[in-house]
Amino acid sequence: MRFRFYEDPETGLPHIWTHGTTEQEAIEVLHGPGEDLPAAKGARMKLGQTAAGRFLQVIYVPDEDRESVFVVTAYELHGKAKAAYRRRQRRKGR
């Protein structure tokens, strides 16, 4: 699968870097277990955990060919959002 990342027009760097997230972490979450939910305007959001243990939310748009995705942003879950995700995962028996 191919991954494309939104680049900040001002810096030319991947937008996820501004949130302290790397491309590899976003890919780990997209490939791993977690919750894949619909988001606004045809996008999807994937919540999951990286190999290093960080809990991330990745917003992406699947391409029509299903062989690639466009990652809009990714950031670490904190506080209530992180607690709610972990609670849902425990209920699933993971």
PDB file of N, CA and C in Angstrom:
ATOM      1  N   MET A   1       0.839  -1.179   0.000  1.00  0.00           N
ATOM      2  CA  MET A   1       0.000   0.000   0.000  1.00  0.00           C
ATOM      3  C   MET A   1       0.886   1.246   0.000  1.00  0.00           C
ATOM      4  N   ARG A   2       0.460   2.244  -0.755  1.00  0.00           N
ATOM      5  CA  ARG A   2       1.172   3.519  -0.824  1.00  0.00           C
ATOM      6  C   ARG A   2       0.532   4.525   0.117  1.00  0.00           C
ATOM      7  N   PHE A   3       1.371   5.350   0.726  1.00  0.00           N
ATOM      8  CA  PHE A   3       0.899   6.394   1.636  1.00  0.00           C
ATOM      9  C   PHE A   3       1.406   7.742   1.150  1.00  0.00           C
ATOM     10  N   ARG A   4       0.478   8.684   1.031  1.00  0.00           N
ATOM     11  CA  ARG A   4       0.829  10.062   0.696  1.00  0.00           C
ATOM     12  C   ARG A   4       0.444  10.917   1.892  1.00  0.00           C
ATOM     13  N   PHE A   5       1.210  11.955   2.153  1.00  0.00           N
ATOM     14  CA  PHE A   5       0.982  12.800   3.322  1.00  0.00           C
ATOM     15  C   PHE A   5       0.769  14.246   2.896  1.00  0.00           C
ATOM     16  N   TYR A   6      -0.207  14.897   3.533  1.00  0.00           N
ATOM     17  CA  TYR A   6      -0.463  16.317   3.276  1.00  0.00           C
ATOM     18  C   TYR A   6       0.755  17.118   3.709  1.00  0.00           C
ATOM     19  N   GLU A   7       1.208  18.006   2.839  1.00  0.00           N
ATOM     20  CA  GLU A   7       2.348  18.861   3.154  1.00  0.00           C
ATOM     21  C   GLU A   7       1.875  20.264   3.473  1.00  0.00           C
ATOM     22  N   ASP A   8       2.414  20.827   4.533  1.00  0.00           N
ATOM     23  CA  ASP A   8       2.101  22.194   4.935  1.00  0.00           C
ATOM     24  C   ASP A   8       2.595  23.140   3.836  1.00  0.00           C
ATOM     25  N   PRO A   9       1.706  23.970   3.272  1.00  0.00           N
ATOM     26  CA  PRO A   9       2.128  24.844   2.169  1.00  0.00           C
ATOM     27  C   PRO A   9       3.202  25.863   2.564  1.00  0.00           C
ATOM     28  N   GLU A  10       3.250  26.236   3.824  1.00  0.00           N
ATOM     29  CA  GLU A  10       4.232  27.233   4.256  1.00  0.00           C
ATOM     30  C   GLU A  10       5.634  26.644   4.384  1.00  0.00           C
ATOM     31  N   THR A  11       5.719  25.399   4.866  1.00  0.00           N
ATOM     32  CA  THR A  11       7.028  24.800   5.122  1.00  0.00           C
ATOM     33  C   THR A  11       7.419  23.739   4.104  1.00  0.00           C
ATOM     34  N   GLY A  12       6.423  23.146   3.436  1.00  0.00           N
ATOM     35  CA  GLY A  12       6.706  22.060   2.503  1.00  0.00           C
ATOM     36  C   GLY A  12       6.963  20.731   3.188  1.00  0.00           C
ATOM     37  N   LEU A  13       6.785  20.702   4.508  1.00  0.00           N
ATOM     38  CA  LEU A  13       7.008  19.485   5.291  1.00  0.00           C
ATOM     39  C   LEU A  13       5.667  18.814   5.593  1.00  0.00           C
ATOM     40  N   PRO A  14       5.690  17.507   5.885  1.00  0.00           N
ATOM     41  CA  PRO A  14       4.433  16.827   6.228  1.00  0.00           C
ATOM     42  C   PRO A  14       3.754  17.503   7.424  1.00  0.00           C
ATOM     43  N   HIS A  15       2.456  17.727   7.291  1.00  0.00           N
ATOM     44  CA  HIS A  15       1.680  18.403   8.337  1.00  0.00           C
ATOM     45  C   HIS A  15       1.736  17.661   9.668  1.00  0.00           C
ATOM     46  N   ILE A  16       1.801  16.340   9.620  1.00  0.00           N
ATOM     47  CA  ILE A  16       1.794  15.573  10.875  1.00  0.00           C
ATOM     48  C   ILE A  16       2.991  15.897  11.753  1.00  0.00           C
ATOM     49  N   TRP A  17       4.070  16.394  11.174  1.00  0.00           N
ATOM     50  CA  TRP A  17       5.240  16.765  11.973  1.00  0.00           C
ATOM     51  C   TRP A  17       4.901  17.862  12.973  1.00  0.00           C
ATOM     52  N   THR A  18       3.972  18.764  12.632  1.00  0.00           N
ATOM     53  CA  THR A  18       3.617  19.836  13.558  1.00  0.00           C
ATOM     54  C   THR A  18       2.945  19.291  14.807  1.00  0.00           C
ATOM     55  N   HIS A  19       2.436  18.056  14.737  1.00  0.00           N
ATOM     56  CA  HIS A  19       1.802  17.410  15.884  1.00  0.00           C
ATOM     57  C   HIS A  19       2.753  16.441  16.588  1.00  0.00           C
ATOM     58  N   GLY A  20       4.016  16.429  16.189  1.00  0.00           N
ATOM     59  CA  GLY A  20       4.995  15.553  16.819  1.00  0.00           C
ATOM     60  C   GLY A  20       4.833  14.091  16.433  1.00  0.00           C
ATOM     61  N   THR A  21       4.283  13.851  15.254  1.00  0.00           N
ATOM     62  CA  THR A  21       4.039  12.500  14.785  1.00  0.00           C
ATOM     63  C   THR A  21       4.851  12.258  13.516  1.00  0.00           C
ATOM     64  N   THR A  22       5.379  11.045  13.366  1.00  0.00           N
ATOM     65  CA  THR A  22       6.150  10.715  12.173  1.00  0.00           C
ATOM     66  C   THR A  22       5.300   9.926  11.183  1.00  0.00           C
ATOM     67  N   GLU A  23       5.794   9.854   9.966  1.00  0.00           N
ATOM     68  CA  GLU A  23       5.108   9.083   8.940  1.00  0.00           C
ATOM     69  C   GLU A  23       5.028   7.614   9.340  1.00  0.00           C
ATOM     70  N   GLN A  24       6.114   7.083   9.900  1.00  0.00           N
ATOM     71  CA  GLN A  24       6.143   5.671  10.295  1.00  0.00           C
ATOM     72  C   GLN A  24       5.095   5.371  11.363  1.00  0.00           C
ATOM     73  N   GLU A  25       4.913   6.267  12.322  1.00  0.00           N
ATOM     74  CA  GLU A  25       3.896   6.054  13.352  1.00  0.00           C
ATOM     75  C   GLU A  25       2.496   6.019  12.747  1.00  0.00           C
ATOM     76  N   ALA A  26       2.221   6.923  11.815  1.00  0.00           N
ATOM     77  CA  ALA A  26       0.907   6.946  11.162  1.00  0.00           C
ATOM     78  C   ALA A  26       0.672   5.644  10.396  1.00  0.00           C
ATOM     79  N   ILE A  27       1.698   5.153   9.713  1.00  0.00           N
ATOM     80  CA  ILE A  27       1.581   3.904   8.965  1.00  0.00           C
ATOM     81  C   ILE A  27       1.343   2.730   9.906  1.00  0.00           C
ATOM     82  N   GLU A  28       2.021   2.717  11.052  1.00  0.00           N
ATOM     83  CA  GLU A  28       1.820   1.646  12.037  1.00  0.00           C
ATOM     84  C   GLU A  28       0.365   1.596  12.491  1.00  0.00           C
ATOM     85  N   VAL A  29      -0.212   2.751  12.763  1.00  0.00           N
ATOM     86  CA  VAL A  29      -1.609   2.805  13.213  1.00  0.00           C
ATOM     87  C   VAL A  29      -2.545   2.354  12.092  1.00  0.00           C
ATOM     88  N   LEU A  30      -2.280   2.788  10.874  1.00  0.00           N
ATOM     89  CA  LEU A  30      -3.152   2.409   9.759  1.00  0.00           C
ATOM     90  C   LEU A  30      -3.100   0.911   9.474  1.00  0.00           C
ATOM     91  N   HIS A  31      -1.956   0.285   9.673  1.00  0.00           N
ATOM     92  CA  HIS A  31      -1.817  -1.155   9.441  1.00  0.00           C
ATOM     93  C   HIS A  31      -2.263  -1.994  10.640  1.00  0.00           C
ATOM     94  N   GLY A  32      -2.253  -1.417  11.818  1.00  0.00           N
ATOM     95  CA  GLY A  32      -2.503  -2.191  13.032  1.00  0.00           C
ATOM     96  C   GLY A  32      -3.965  -2.271  13.421  1.00  0.00           C
ATOM     97  N   PRO A  33      -4.223  -2.962  14.529  1.00  0.00           N
ATOM     98  CA  PRO A  33      -5.596  -3.040  15.041  1.00  0.00           C
ATOM     99  C   PRO A  33      -6.018  -1.699  15.626  1.00  0.00           C
ATOM    100  N   GLY A  34      -7.289  -1.526  15.781  1.00  0.00           N
ATOM    101  CA  GLY A  34      -7.821  -0.285  16.341  1.00  0.00           C
ATOM    102  C   GLY A  34      -9.212  -0.042  15.814  1.00  0.00           C
ATOM    103  N   GLU A  35      -9.643   1.202  15.878  1.00  0.00           N
ATOM    104  CA  GLU A  35     -10.966   1.589  15.398  1.00  0.00           C
ATOM    105  C   GLU A  35     -10.827   2.395  14.120  1.00  0.00           C
ATOM    106  N   ASP A  36     -11.564   2.009  13.101  1.00  0.00           N
ATOM    107  CA  ASP A  36     -11.592   2.735  11.841  1.00  0.00           C
ATOM    108  C   ASP A  36     -13.009   3.259  11.665  1.00  0.00           C
ATOM    109  N   LEU A  37     -13.168   4.572  11.753  1.00  0.00           N
ATOM    110  CA  LEU A  37     -14.487   5.190  11.777  1.00  0.00           C
ATOM    111  C   LEU A  37     -14.643   6.223  10.666  1.00  0.00           C
ATOM    112  N   PRO A  38     -15.880   6.491  10.234  1.00  0.00           N
ATOM    113  CA  PRO A  38     -16.084   7.554   9.249  1.00  0.00           C
ATOM    114  C   PRO A  38     -15.812   8.925   9.877  1.00  0.00           C
ATOM    115  N   ALA A  39     -15.319   9.838   9.058  1.00  0.00           N
ATOM    116  CA  ALA A  39     -15.086  11.213   9.491  1.00  0.00           C
ATOM    117  C   ALA A  39     -15.789  12.138   8.497  1.00  0.00           C
ATOM    118  N   ALA A  40     -15.532  13.407   8.566  1.00  0.00           N
ATOM    119  CA  ALA A  40     -16.211  14.396   7.720  1.00  0.00           C
ATOM    120  C   ALA A  40     -15.730  14.348   6.272  1.00  0.00           C
ATOM    121  N   LYS A  41     -16.609  14.675   5.374  1.00  0.00           N
ATOM    122  CA  LYS A  41     -16.299  14.887   3.952  1.00  0.00           C
ATOM    123  C   LYS A  41     -15.606  13.700   3.287  1.00  0.00           C
ATOM    124  N   GLY A  42     -16.073  12.493   3.547  1.00  0.00           N
ATOM    125  CA  GLY A  42     -15.529  11.307   2.902  1.00  0.00           C
ATOM    126  C   GLY A  42     -14.234  10.789   3.485  1.00  0.00           C
ATOM    127  N   ALA A  43     -13.747  11.420   4.524  1.00  0.00           N
ATOM    128  CA  ALA A  43     -12.511  10.980   5.164  1.00  0.00           C
ATOM    129  C   ALA A  43     -12.812   9.863   6.167  1.00  0.00           C
ATOM    130  N   ARG A  44     -11.767   9.244   6.655  1.00  0.00           N
ATOM    131  CA  ARG A  44     -11.873   8.212   7.680  1.00  0.00           C
ATOM    132  C   ARG A  44     -10.914   8.583   8.799  1.00  0.00           C
ATOM    133  N   MET A  45     -11.177   8.053   9.991  1.00  0.00           N
ATOM    134  CA  MET A  45     -10.241   8.237  11.093  1.00  0.00           C
ATOM    135  C   MET A  45      -9.930   6.884  11.693  1.00  0.00           C
ATOM    136  N   LYS A  46      -8.662   6.652  11.931  1.00  0.00           N
ATOM    137  CA  LYS A  46      -8.204   5.400  12.517  1.00  0.00           C
ATOM    138  C   LYS A  46      -7.550   5.724  13.838  1.00  0.00           C
ATOM    139  N   LEU A  47      -8.035   5.085  14.896  1.00  0.00           N
ATOM    140  CA  LEU A  47      -7.448   5.229  16.212  1.00  0.00           C
ATOM    141  C   LEU A  47      -6.714   3.943  16.524  1.00  0.00           C
ATOM    142  N   GLY A  48      -5.504   4.058  17.025  1.00  0.00           N
ATOM    143  CA  GLY A  48      -4.725   2.874  17.336  1.00  0.00           C
ATOM    144  C   GLY A  48      -3.463   3.223  18.086  1.00  0.00           C
ATOM    145  N   GLN A  49      -2.673   2.183  18.314  1.00  0.00           N
ATOM    146  CA  GLN A  49      -1.463   2.322  19.110  1.00  0.00           C
ATOM    147  C   GLN A  49      -0.240   1.981  18.265  1.00  0.00           C
ATOM    148  N   THR A  50       0.830   2.750  18.433  1.00  0.00           N
ATOM    149  CA  THR A  50       2.083   2.485  17.722  1.00  0.00           C
ATOM    150  C   THR A  50       2.853   1.392  18.446  1.00  0.00           C
ATOM    151  N   ALA A  51       3.896   0.902  17.807  1.00  0.00           N
ATOM    152  CA  ALA A  51       4.751  -0.112  18.427  1.00  0.00           C
ATOM    153  C   ALA A  51       5.427   0.433  19.686  1.00  0.00           C
ATOM    154  N   ALA A  52       5.646   1.737  19.720  1.00  0.00           N
ATOM    155  CA  ALA A  52       6.272   2.372  20.887  1.00  0.00           C
ATOM    156  C   ALA A  52       5.279   2.648  22.011  1.00  0.00           C
ATOM    157  N   GLY A  53       3.978   2.404  21.759  1.00  0.00           N
ATOM    158  CA  GLY A  53       2.978   2.574  22.803  1.00  0.00           C
ATOM    159  C   GLY A  53       2.178   3.862  22.748  1.00  0.00           C
ATOM    160  N   ARG A  54       2.434   4.727  21.788  1.00  0.00           N
ATOM    161  CA  ARG A  54       1.664   5.974  21.673  1.00  0.00           C
ATOM    162  C   ARG A  54       0.295   5.686  21.072  1.00  0.00           C
ATOM    163  N   PHE A  55      -0.727   6.376  21.568  1.00  0.00           N
ATOM    164  CA  PHE A  55      -2.074   6.256  21.030  1.00  0.00           C
ATOM    165  C   PHE A  55      -2.297   7.428  20.079  1.00  0.00           C
ATOM    166  N   LEU A  56      -2.606   7.107  18.807  1.00  0.00           N
ATOM    167  CA  LEU A  56      -2.760   8.143  17.792  1.00  0.00           C
ATOM    168  C   LEU A  56      -4.128   8.098  17.130  1.00  0.00           C
ATOM    169  N   GLN A  57      -4.525   9.235  16.604  1.00  0.00           N
ATOM    170  CA  GLN A  57      -5.679   9.343  15.731  1.00  0.00           C
ATOM    171  C   GLN A  57      -5.157   9.827  14.395  1.00  0.00           C
ATOM    172  N   VAL A  58      -5.434   9.061  13.346  1.00  0.00           N
ATOM    173  CA  VAL A  58      -4.969   9.380  12.001  1.00  0.00           C
ATOM    174  C   VAL A  58      -6.196   9.676  11.138  1.00  0.00           C
ATOM    175  N   ILE A  59      -6.215  10.847  10.519  1.00  0.00           N
ATOM    176  CA  ILE A  59      -7.288  11.222   9.604  1.00  0.00           C
ATOM    177  C   ILE A  59      -6.752  11.019   8.193  1.00  0.00           C
ATOM    178  N   TYR A  60      -7.479  10.229   7.390  1.00  0.00           N
ATOM    179  CA  TYR A  60      -7.012   9.923   6.048  1.00  0.00           C
ATOM    180  C   TYR A  60      -8.182   9.822   5.081  1.00  0.00           C
ATOM    181  N   VAL A  61      -7.847   9.887   3.794  1.00  0.00           N
ATOM    182  CA  VAL A  61      -8.832   9.738   2.726  1.00  0.00           C
ATOM    183  C   VAL A  61      -8.369   8.579   1.859  1.00  0.00           C
ATOM    184  N   PRO A  62      -9.164   7.515   1.774  1.00  0.00           N
ATOM    185  CA  PRO A  62      -8.759   6.403   0.902  1.00  0.00           C
ATOM    186  C   PRO A  62      -8.867   6.808  -0.566  1.00  0.00           C
ATOM    187  N   ASP A  63      -7.877   6.411  -1.354  1.00  0.00           N
ATOM    188  CA  ASP A  63      -7.924   6.681  -2.787  1.00  0.00           C
ATOM    189  C   ASP A  63      -8.859   5.681  -3.460  1.00  0.00           C
ATOM    190  N   GLU A  64      -9.330   6.028  -4.628  1.00  0.00           N
ATOM    191  CA  GLU A  64     -10.283   5.180  -5.336  1.00  0.00           C
ATOM    192  C   GLU A  64      -9.700   3.831  -5.736  1.00  0.00           C
ATOM    193  N   ASP A  65      -8.397   3.770  -5.998  1.00  0.00           N
ATOM    194  CA  ASP A  65      -7.796   2.510  -6.441  1.00  0.00           C
ATOM    195  C   ASP A  65      -7.549   1.524  -5.292  1.00  0.00           C
ATOM    196  N   ARG A  66      -7.788   1.931  -4.063  1.00  0.00           N
ATOM    197  CA  ARG A  66      -7.635   1.109  -2.866  1.00  0.00           C
ATOM    198  C   ARG A  66      -6.200   0.640  -2.603  1.00  0.00           C
ATOM    199  N   GLU A  67      -5.267   1.099  -3.412  1.00  0.00           N
ATOM    200  CA  GLU A  67      -3.868   0.735  -3.220  1.00  0.00           C
ATOM    201  C   GLU A  67      -3.080   1.840  -2.519  1.00  0.00           C
ATOM    202  N   SER A  68      -3.738   2.972  -2.243  1.00  0.00           N
ATOM    203  CA  SER A  68      -3.057   4.071  -1.572  1.00  0.00           C
ATOM    204  C   SER A  68      -4.048   4.884  -0.749  1.00  0.00           C
ATOM    205  N   VAL A  69      -3.502   5.615   0.226  1.00  0.00           N
ATOM    206  CA  VAL A  69      -4.308   6.512   1.051  1.00  0.00           C
ATOM    207  C   VAL A  69      -3.569   7.842   1.179  1.00  0.00           C
ATOM    208  N   PHE A  70      -4.352   8.894   1.394  1.00  0.00           N
ATOM    209  CA  PHE A  70      -3.814  10.231   1.591  1.00  0.00           C
ATOM    210  C   PHE A  70      -4.021  10.591   3.053  1.00  0.00           C
ATOM    211  N   VAL A  71      -2.938  10.704   3.807  1.00  0.00           N
ATOM    212  CA  VAL A  71      -3.009  11.024   5.233  1.00  0.00           C
ATOM    213  C   VAL A  71      -3.058  12.542   5.377  1.00  0.00           C
ATOM    214  N   VAL A  72      -4.145  13.018   5.971  1.00  0.00           N
ATOM    215  CA  VAL A  72      -4.338  14.455   6.150  1.00  0.00           C
ATOM    216  C   VAL A  72      -3.604  14.929   7.394  1.00  0.00           C
ATOM    217  N   THR A  73      -3.838  14.259   8.508  1.00  0.00           N
ATOM    218  CA  THR A  73      -3.181  14.625   9.760  1.00  0.00           C
ATOM    219  C   THR A  73      -3.154  13.432  10.704  1.00  0.00           C
ATOM    220  N   ALA A  74      -2.323  13.506  11.713  1.00  0.00           N
ATOM    221  CA  ALA A  74      -2.235  12.477  12.746  1.00  0.00           C
ATOM    222  C   ALA A  74      -1.729  13.145  14.013  1.00  0.00           C
ATOM    223  N   TYR A  75      -2.321  12.763  15.125  1.00  0.00           N
ATOM    224  CA  TYR A  75      -1.901  13.364  16.389  1.00  0.00           C
ATOM    225  C   TYR A  75      -2.161  12.388  17.534  1.00  0.00           C
ATOM    226  N   GLU A  76      -1.490  12.640  18.645  1.00  0.00           N
ATOM    227  CA  GLU A  76      -1.588  11.764  19.813  1.00  0.00           C
ATOM    228  C   GLU A  76      -2.885  12.032  20.569  1.00  0.00           C
ATOM    229  N   LEU A  77      -3.493  10.950  21.029  1.00  0.00           N
ATOM    230  CA  LEU A  77      -4.689  11.070  21.870  1.00  0.00           C
ATOM    231  C   LEU A  77      -4.266  11.388  23.292  1.00  0.00           C
ATOM    232  N   HIS A  78      -5.019  12.257  23.942  1.00  0.00           N
ATOM    233  CA  HIS A  78      -4.751  12.634  25.338  1.00  0.00           C
ATOM    234  C   HIS A  78      -6.055  12.653  26.118  1.00  0.00           C
ATOM    235  N   GLY A  79      -5.951  12.634  27.408  1.00  0.00           N
ATOM    236  CA  GLY A  79      -7.087  12.864  28.293  1.00  0.00           C
ATOM    237  C   GLY A  79      -8.276  11.955  28.070  1.00  0.00           C
ATOM    238  N   LYS A  80      -9.454  12.576  27.972  1.00  0.00           N
ATOM    239  CA  LYS A  80     -10.707  11.824  27.866  1.00  0.00           C
ATOM    240  C   LYS A  80     -10.783  10.994  26.588  1.00  0.00           C
ATOM    241  N   ALA A  81     -10.270  11.514  25.485  1.00  0.00           N
ATOM    242  CA  ALA A  81     -10.311  10.770  24.225  1.00  0.00           C
ATOM    243  C   ALA A  81      -9.491   9.492  24.328  1.00  0.00           C
ATOM    244  N   LYS A  82      -8.327   9.575  24.940  1.00  0.00           N
ATOM    245  CA  LYS A  82      -7.477   8.396  25.117  1.00  0.00           C
ATOM    246  C   LYS A  82      -8.129   7.400  26.071  1.00  0.00           C
ATOM    247  N   ALA A  83      -8.681   7.888  27.166  1.00  0.00           N
ATOM    248  CA  ALA A  83      -9.339   7.013  28.142  1.00  0.00           C
ATOM    249  C   ALA A  83     -10.542   6.314  27.519  1.00  0.00           C
ATOM    250  N   ALA A  84     -11.321   7.021  26.727  1.00  0.00           N
ATOM    251  CA  ALA A  84     -12.492   6.426  26.082  1.00  0.00           C
ATOM    252  C   ALA A  84     -12.074   5.349  25.087  1.00  0.00           C
ATOM    253  N   TYR A  85     -11.045   5.605  24.309  1.00  0.00           N
ATOM    254  CA  TYR A  85     -10.553   4.602  23.354  1.00  0.00           C
ATOM    255  C   TYR A  85     -10.076   3.350  24.080  1.00  0.00           C
ATOM    256  N   ARG A  86      -9.280   3.523  25.121  1.00  0.00           N
ATOM    257  CA  ARG A  86      -8.767   2.366  25.877  1.00  0.00           C
ATOM    258  C   ARG A  86      -9.902   1.580  26.516  1.00  0.00           C
ATOM    259  N   ARG A  87     -10.907   2.276  27.007  1.00  0.00           N
ATOM    260  CA  ARG A  87     -12.071   1.617  27.617  1.00  0.00           C
ATOM    261  C   ARG A  87     -12.812   0.773  26.563  1.00  0.00           C
ATOM    262  N   ARG A  88     -13.013   1.334  25.376  1.00  0.00           N
ATOM    263  CA  ARG A  88     -13.688   0.583  24.305  1.00  0.00           C
ATOM    264  C   ARG A  88     -12.882  -0.641  23.900  1.00  0.00           C
ATOM    265  N   GLN A  89     -11.573  -0.509  23.881  1.00  0.00           N
ATOM    266  CA  GLN A  89     -10.732  -1.653  23.506  1.00  0.00           C
ATOM    267  C   GLN A  89     -10.773  -2.753  24.565  1.00  0.00           C
ATOM    268  N   ARG A  90     -10.823  -2.374  25.833  1.00  0.00           N
ATOM    269  CA  ARG A  90     -10.927  -3.381  26.905  1.00  0.00           C
ATOM    270  C   ARG A  90     -12.250  -4.130  26.818  1.00  0.00           C
ATOM    271  N   ARG A  91     -13.318  -3.413  26.470  1.00  0.00           N
ATOM    272  CA  ARG A  91     -14.639  -4.052  26.334  1.00  0.00           C
ATOM    273  C   ARG A  91     -14.664  -5.066  25.199  1.00  0.00           C
ATOM    274  N   LYS A  92     -13.846  -4.817  24.173  1.00  0.00           N
ATOM    275  CA  LYS A  92     -13.767  -5.751  23.046  1.00  0.00           C
ATOM    276  C   LYS A  92     -12.937  -6.971  23.392  1.00  0.00           C
ATOM    277  N   GLY A  93     -12.231  -6.932  24.509  1.00  0.00           N
ATOM    278  CA  GLY A  93     -11.406  -8.043  24.925  1.00  0.00           C
ATOM    279  C   GLY A  93     -10.010  -8.056  24.311  1.00  0.00           C
ATOM    280  N   ARG A  94      -9.520  -6.887  23.954  1.00  0.00           N
ATOM    281  CA  ARG A  94      -8.173  -6.798  23.364  1.00  0.00           C
ATOM    282  C   ARG A  94      -7.159  -6.500  24.413  1.00  0.00           C
TER     283      ARG A  94
END
